[in-house]
Amino acid sequence: MFYAIIAEDKPGTQQARINARAEHLARLVTLKEQGKLFVAGPHPATDSEDPGEAGFTGSLVIAEFNSLQDAQAWANQDPYIVAGVYAKVTVKPYKKVLP
């Protein structure tokens, strides 16, 4: 089943996000290579694909896991959590309907 991992950044953590980005992306690439990643990306702080210094306010990952517990365990090990970027992470089941 798919699970949505919805994360919200702490204010003022843009540099920490930049520093941990390579490790964060490596985990997503692994999910992609396993055929489990549906979509992933950040939430820009402005109405722009490139928010510049405004940075990002969080991230969304939708991926396939065996259970909610597995999805939560994966989310808990995100390098952005370790780096103190995320203030809150919500993990919940996701059902793709369209397209």
N, C-alpha and C. Protein backbone atom coordinates (compact mmCIF):
# COMPACT_ATOMS: atom_id res chain seq x y z
N MET A 1 0.84 -1.18 0.00
CA MET A 1 0.00 0.00 0.00
C MET A 1 0.88 1.24 0.00
N PHE A 2 0.35 2.32 -0.56
CA PHE A 2 1.05 3.59 -0.53
C PHE A 2 0.81 4.30 0.79
N TYR A 3 1.83 5.09 1.19
CA TYR A 3 1.73 5.92 2.39
C TYR A 3 2.26 7.30 2.06
N ALA A 4 1.57 8.33 2.57
CA ALA A 4 2.00 9.71 2.41
C ALA A 4 2.79 10.11 3.65
N ILE A 5 3.96 10.65 3.41
CA ILE A 5 4.81 11.16 4.48
C ILE A 5 4.86 12.67 4.27
N ILE A 6 4.21 13.39 5.17
CA ILE A 6 4.05 14.83 5.05
C ILE A 6 4.85 15.49 6.17
N ALA A 7 5.89 16.23 5.78
CA ALA A 7 6.78 16.82 6.77
C ALA A 7 6.73 18.34 6.71
N GLU A 8 6.84 18.96 7.88
CA GLU A 8 6.87 20.42 7.99
C GLU A 8 8.22 20.84 8.57
N ASP A 9 8.86 21.79 7.91
CA ASP A 9 10.16 22.28 8.37
C ASP A 9 10.02 23.21 9.57
N LYS A 10 11.04 23.21 10.41
CA LYS A 10 11.18 24.22 11.46
C LYS A 10 11.64 25.50 10.77
N PRO A 11 11.22 26.65 11.26
CA PRO A 11 11.72 27.91 10.69
C PRO A 11 13.25 28.00 10.85
N GLY A 12 13.90 28.61 9.88
CA GLY A 12 15.32 28.88 9.98
C GLY A 12 16.23 27.68 9.81
N THR A 13 15.75 26.64 9.14
CA THR A 13 16.56 25.42 8.98
C THR A 13 17.01 25.19 7.53
N GLN A 14 16.99 26.24 6.72
CA GLN A 14 17.34 26.08 5.30
C GLN A 14 18.76 25.54 5.13
N GLN A 15 19.72 26.04 5.89
CA GLN A 15 21.08 25.57 5.73
C GLN A 15 21.21 24.11 6.17
N ALA A 16 20.53 23.73 7.23
CA ALA A 16 20.54 22.33 7.68
C ALA A 16 19.94 21.44 6.60
N ARG A 17 18.90 21.92 5.94
CA ARG A 17 18.26 21.18 4.84
C ARG A 17 19.26 20.97 3.71
N ILE A 18 19.96 22.04 3.35
CA ILE A 18 20.95 21.96 2.27
C ILE A 18 22.04 20.95 2.64
N ASN A 19 22.50 21.01 3.87
CA ASN A 19 23.59 20.13 4.32
C ASN A 19 23.19 18.65 4.31
N ALA A 20 21.93 18.34 4.59
CA ALA A 20 21.48 16.95 4.66
C ALA A 20 20.84 16.45 3.37
N ARG A 21 20.74 17.31 2.37
CA ARG A 21 20.01 16.98 1.14
C ARG A 21 20.53 15.75 0.43
N ALA A 22 21.84 15.60 0.29
CA ALA A 22 22.39 14.46 -0.46
C ALA A 22 21.98 13.14 0.18
N GLU A 23 22.05 13.05 1.49
CA GLU A 23 21.64 11.82 2.19
C GLU A 23 20.14 11.59 2.05
N HIS A 24 19.38 12.66 2.16
CA HIS A 24 17.92 12.58 2.02
C HIS A 24 17.56 12.04 0.62
N LEU A 25 18.18 12.60 -0.41
CA LEU A 25 17.89 12.17 -1.79
C LEU A 25 18.34 10.74 -2.05
N ALA A 26 19.45 10.33 -1.45
CA ALA A 26 19.94 8.96 -1.65
C ALA A 26 18.91 7.94 -1.20
N ARG A 27 18.23 8.20 -0.10
CA ARG A 27 17.20 7.28 0.38
C ARG A 27 16.01 7.22 -0.58
N LEU A 28 15.68 8.37 -1.16
CA LEU A 28 14.59 8.41 -2.14
C LEU A 28 14.96 7.67 -3.42
N VAL A 29 16.21 7.81 -3.84
CA VAL A 29 16.68 7.08 -5.03
C VAL A 29 16.58 5.57 -4.79
N THR A 30 16.91 5.14 -3.59
CA THR A 30 16.80 3.71 -3.27
C THR A 30 15.35 3.24 -3.40
N LEU A 31 14.40 4.03 -2.86
CA LEU A 31 12.98 3.68 -3.02
C LEU A 31 12.60 3.62 -4.50
N LYS A 32 13.09 4.58 -5.28
CA LYS A 32 12.79 4.61 -6.72
C LYS A 32 13.33 3.36 -7.40
N GLU A 33 14.57 3.00 -7.10
CA GLU A 33 15.19 1.82 -7.70
C GLU A 33 14.45 0.54 -7.33
N GLN A 34 13.83 0.53 -6.16
CA GLN A 34 13.04 -0.63 -5.72
C GLN A 34 11.64 -0.62 -6.32
N GLY A 35 11.30 0.43 -7.08
CA GLY A 35 9.98 0.54 -7.68
C GLY A 35 8.89 0.91 -6.69
N LYS A 36 9.26 1.52 -5.57
CA LYS A 36 8.30 1.83 -4.51
C LYS A 36 7.94 3.31 -4.42
N LEU A 37 8.67 4.18 -5.10
CA LEU A 37 8.43 5.62 -4.98
C LEU A 37 7.39 6.08 -6.00
N PHE A 38 6.35 6.71 -5.53
CA PHE A 38 5.32 7.29 -6.40
C PHE A 38 5.69 8.73 -6.74
N VAL A 39 5.99 9.52 -5.72
CA VAL A 39 6.34 10.93 -5.92
C VAL A 39 7.05 11.45 -4.67
N ALA A 40 7.92 12.43 -4.86
CA ALA A 40 8.58 13.06 -3.73
C ALA A 40 9.02 14.46 -4.12
N GLY A 41 8.97 15.38 -3.17
CA GLY A 41 9.44 16.73 -3.43
C GLY A 41 9.15 17.65 -2.28
N PRO A 42 9.79 18.82 -2.31
CA PRO A 42 9.62 19.80 -1.25
C PRO A 42 8.45 20.75 -1.53
N HIS A 43 8.04 21.46 -0.48
CA HIS A 43 7.02 22.51 -0.58
C HIS A 43 7.74 23.86 -0.57
N PRO A 44 7.81 24.56 -1.70
CA PRO A 44 8.47 25.87 -1.72
C PRO A 44 7.77 26.86 -0.78
N ALA A 45 8.55 27.73 -0.17
CA ALA A 45 8.01 28.73 0.76
C ALA A 45 7.29 29.86 0.02
N THR A 46 7.51 29.97 -1.29
CA THR A 46 6.83 30.97 -2.11
C THR A 46 6.17 30.27 -3.28
N ASP A 47 5.33 30.99 -3.97
CA ASP A 47 4.62 30.43 -5.13
C ASP A 47 5.56 30.42 -6.33
N SER A 48 6.60 29.58 -6.23
CA SER A 48 7.62 29.51 -7.27
C SER A 48 8.32 28.16 -7.16
N GLU A 49 8.71 27.60 -8.30
CA GLU A 49 9.47 26.35 -8.27
C GLU A 49 10.85 26.55 -7.65
N ASP A 50 11.40 27.75 -7.80
CA ASP A 50 12.69 28.07 -7.19
C ASP A 50 12.48 29.21 -6.20
N PRO A 51 12.27 28.90 -4.93
CA PRO A 51 11.97 29.94 -3.95
C PRO A 51 13.18 30.74 -3.49
N GLY A 52 14.36 30.40 -4.01
CA GLY A 52 15.57 31.13 -3.63
C GLY A 52 15.82 31.06 -2.13
N GLU A 53 16.18 32.19 -1.54
CA GLU A 53 16.51 32.24 -0.12
C GLU A 53 15.31 31.97 0.78
N ALA A 54 14.09 32.08 0.25
CA ALA A 54 12.90 31.79 1.06
C ALA A 54 12.87 30.32 1.45
N GLY A 55 13.47 29.47 0.61
CA GLY A 55 13.58 28.05 0.93
C GLY A 55 12.29 27.28 0.83
N PHE A 56 12.17 26.31 1.72
CA PHE A 56 11.05 25.37 1.68
C PHE A 56 10.38 25.28 3.05
N THR A 57 9.14 24.84 3.04
CA THR A 57 8.39 24.72 4.30
C THR A 57 8.16 23.28 4.71
N GLY A 58 8.60 22.34 3.90
CA GLY A 58 8.39 20.93 4.21
C GLY A 58 8.56 20.07 2.97
N SER A 59 8.14 18.83 3.10
CA SER A 59 8.30 17.86 2.02
C SER A 59 7.12 16.89 1.98
N LEU A 60 6.95 16.27 0.82
CA LEU A 60 5.95 15.22 0.64
C LEU A 60 6.62 14.04 -0.04
N VAL A 61 6.42 12.86 0.52
CA VAL A 61 6.86 11.62 -0.10
C VAL A 61 5.66 10.69 -0.11
N ILE A 62 5.36 10.12 -1.26
CA ILE A 62 4.35 9.07 -1.34
C ILE A 62 5.06 7.84 -1.90
N ALA A 63 5.07 6.79 -1.09
CA ALA A 63 5.80 5.58 -1.46
C ALA A 63 5.10 4.35 -0.93
N GLU A 64 5.47 3.22 -1.48
CA GLU A 64 4.87 1.95 -1.09
C GLU A 64 5.70 1.31 0.03
N PHE A 65 5.00 0.88 1.07
CA PHE A 65 5.60 0.15 2.18
C PHE A 65 4.69 -1.01 2.54
N ASN A 66 5.21 -1.96 3.30
CA ASN A 66 4.42 -3.14 3.69
C ASN A 66 3.35 -2.81 4.72
N SER A 67 3.60 -1.76 5.53
CA SER A 67 2.65 -1.41 6.59
C SER A 67 2.87 0.03 7.01
N LEU A 68 1.92 0.56 7.76
CA LEU A 68 2.05 1.89 8.32
C LEU A 68 3.27 1.96 9.24
N GLN A 69 3.50 0.89 9.98
CA GLN A 69 4.66 0.86 10.87
C GLN A 69 5.97 0.94 10.08
N ASP A 70 6.05 0.24 8.96
CA ASP A 70 7.25 0.29 8.12
C ASP A 70 7.45 1.69 7.54
N ALA A 71 6.36 2.31 7.11
CA ALA A 71 6.44 3.66 6.56
C ALA A 71 6.90 4.65 7.64
N GLN A 72 6.36 4.50 8.83
CA GLN A 72 6.75 5.38 9.94
C GLN A 72 8.21 5.18 10.32
N ALA A 73 8.65 3.94 10.35
CA ALA A 73 10.05 3.65 10.68
C ALA A 73 10.99 4.25 9.64
N TRP A 74 10.62 4.15 8.35
CA TRP A 74 11.43 4.74 7.30
C TRP A 74 11.48 6.25 7.46
N ALA A 75 10.33 6.87 7.71
CA ALA A 75 10.26 8.32 7.88
C ALA A 75 11.09 8.78 9.07
N ASN A 76 11.07 8.02 10.15
CA ASN A 76 11.79 8.40 11.37
C ASN A 76 13.30 8.44 11.17
N GLN A 77 13.80 7.78 10.14
CA GLN A 77 15.24 7.73 9.88
C GLN A 77 15.69 8.75 8.83
N ASP A 78 14.79 9.63 8.43
CA ASP A 78 15.14 10.62 7.41
C ASP A 78 16.28 11.52 7.90
N PRO A 79 17.28 11.76 7.07
CA PRO A 79 18.37 12.65 7.45
C PRO A 79 17.91 14.06 7.85
N TYR A 80 16.79 14.51 7.31
CA TYR A 80 16.27 15.82 7.71
C TYR A 80 15.81 15.81 9.17
N ILE A 81 15.34 14.69 9.67
CA ILE A 81 14.99 14.60 11.09
C ILE A 81 16.26 14.65 11.93
N VAL A 82 17.24 13.86 11.54
CA VAL A 82 18.52 13.82 12.26
C VAL A 82 19.16 15.21 12.29
N ALA A 83 19.04 15.97 11.18
CA ALA A 83 19.64 17.31 11.08
C ALA A 83 18.80 18.39 11.75
N GLY A 84 17.62 18.03 12.26
CA GLY A 84 16.77 19.00 12.94
C GLY A 84 15.97 19.89 12.01
N VAL A 85 15.78 19.47 10.77
CA VAL A 85 15.02 20.27 9.80
C VAL A 85 13.52 20.18 10.05
N TYR A 86 13.02 18.98 10.27
CA TYR A 86 11.58 18.79 10.39
C TYR A 86 11.07 19.06 11.80
N ALA A 87 10.00 19.83 11.88
CA ALA A 87 9.31 20.08 13.14
C ALA A 87 8.26 19.01 13.40
N LYS A 88 7.66 18.53 12.30
CA LYS A 88 6.55 17.57 12.42
C LYS A 88 6.53 16.69 11.19
N VAL A 89 6.29 15.40 11.40
CA VAL A 89 6.16 14.45 10.29
C VAL A 89 4.90 13.62 10.54
N THR A 90 4.02 13.62 9.54
CA THR A 90 2.79 12.84 9.59
C THR A 90 2.88 11.74 8.55
N VAL A 91 2.56 10.51 8.93
CA VAL A 91 2.56 9.38 8.01
C VAL A 91 1.16 8.78 8.03
N LYS A 92 0.57 8.65 6.85
CA LYS A 92 -0.77 8.05 6.79
C LYS A 92 -0.97 7.31 5.48
N PRO A 93 -1.88 6.35 5.48
CA PRO A 93 -2.16 5.60 4.25
C PRO A 93 -2.64 6.54 3.14
N TYR A 94 -2.32 6.17 1.91
CA TYR A 94 -2.68 6.95 0.74
C TYR A 94 -3.24 6.00 -0.32
N LYS A 95 -4.39 6.36 -0.86
CA LYS A 95 -5.00 5.55 -1.92
C LYS A 95 -5.05 6.38 -3.20
N LYS A 96 -4.29 5.94 -4.20
CA LYS A 96 -4.30 6.62 -5.50
C LYS A 96 -5.58 6.26 -6.24
N VAL A 97 -6.31 7.29 -6.68
CA VAL A 97 -7.55 7.08 -7.42
C VAL A 97 -7.40 7.56 -8.86
N LEU A 98 -6.86 8.76 -9.07
CA LEU A 98 -6.70 9.31 -10.41
C LEU A 98 -5.30 9.87 -10.57
N PRO A 99 -4.70 10.01 -11.70
CA PRO A 99 -5.18 9.45 -12.95
C PRO A 99 -4.95 7.96 -12.99
